[in-house]
Amino acid sequence: MSRAVRTIRVEPLTPESYKPFGQVIGIPQEPPMTENEERSYWLSPALEMIDGSYAIVYVEMRMRDYVVRRLHRHTRFDQALIPLGGKAFLHVVAPPGDVPDLDELRAFIIDGSQAVIIRQGTWHRNPAYPLSPEASLVLISRRESIVLEAAERAGEHVGGPTEQIELATLTDDEIRLIL
């Protein structure tokens, strides 16, 4: 018996469409906070964290199939995804909850001129799905979480403020992104 395919249509990223999951950082539409002849400053949204310190992580992503197999969430901190080199990628999210609501999965195209802050508790798929053979981004995340996730990938079960779920435990369907 073949698996049913559930599709998620990728949508443009706007502050309004992404609001249930976090915030969009892009070219400001409002006047700068401060300005002089050399520069202008806009204050970006703040990242929230209960405790700990942040790490700035460079991530190289490689193109792969657009099938969503797992999601994870961070229960004690926000994360920021900031693309480098102007390359676009797809970003998959589901609202906070004990388990991801697969009927509420959304996929956004981050066009390379925008970044996102993923609100704590929001289910998401990292690394993101690049639209070119390779793309890179900066991930701002809780330092402890990066170390613990590396240990989990090495086969150690360490627990912590990050939860991961294989979608095969929730559905027999294949979840595929559609451009």
Foldseek 3Di string as FASTA:
>chain_A
DDFAAAEAEADADDQVVCVLFFGKAFDDPDAFPDDDPPDGHHDDDDKFFPDADKDKDKDKDFADFQWDFKKKFFAGIKKKKAWPPQFKFKKWKAGADPDGDPVRIHIYIDRSRMMTIGHGRIIIDPPTHTPDRMTMIIMIGGPVVVVQVVVVVVPDDDDDRMDMDGCVVVGSHIYGYDD
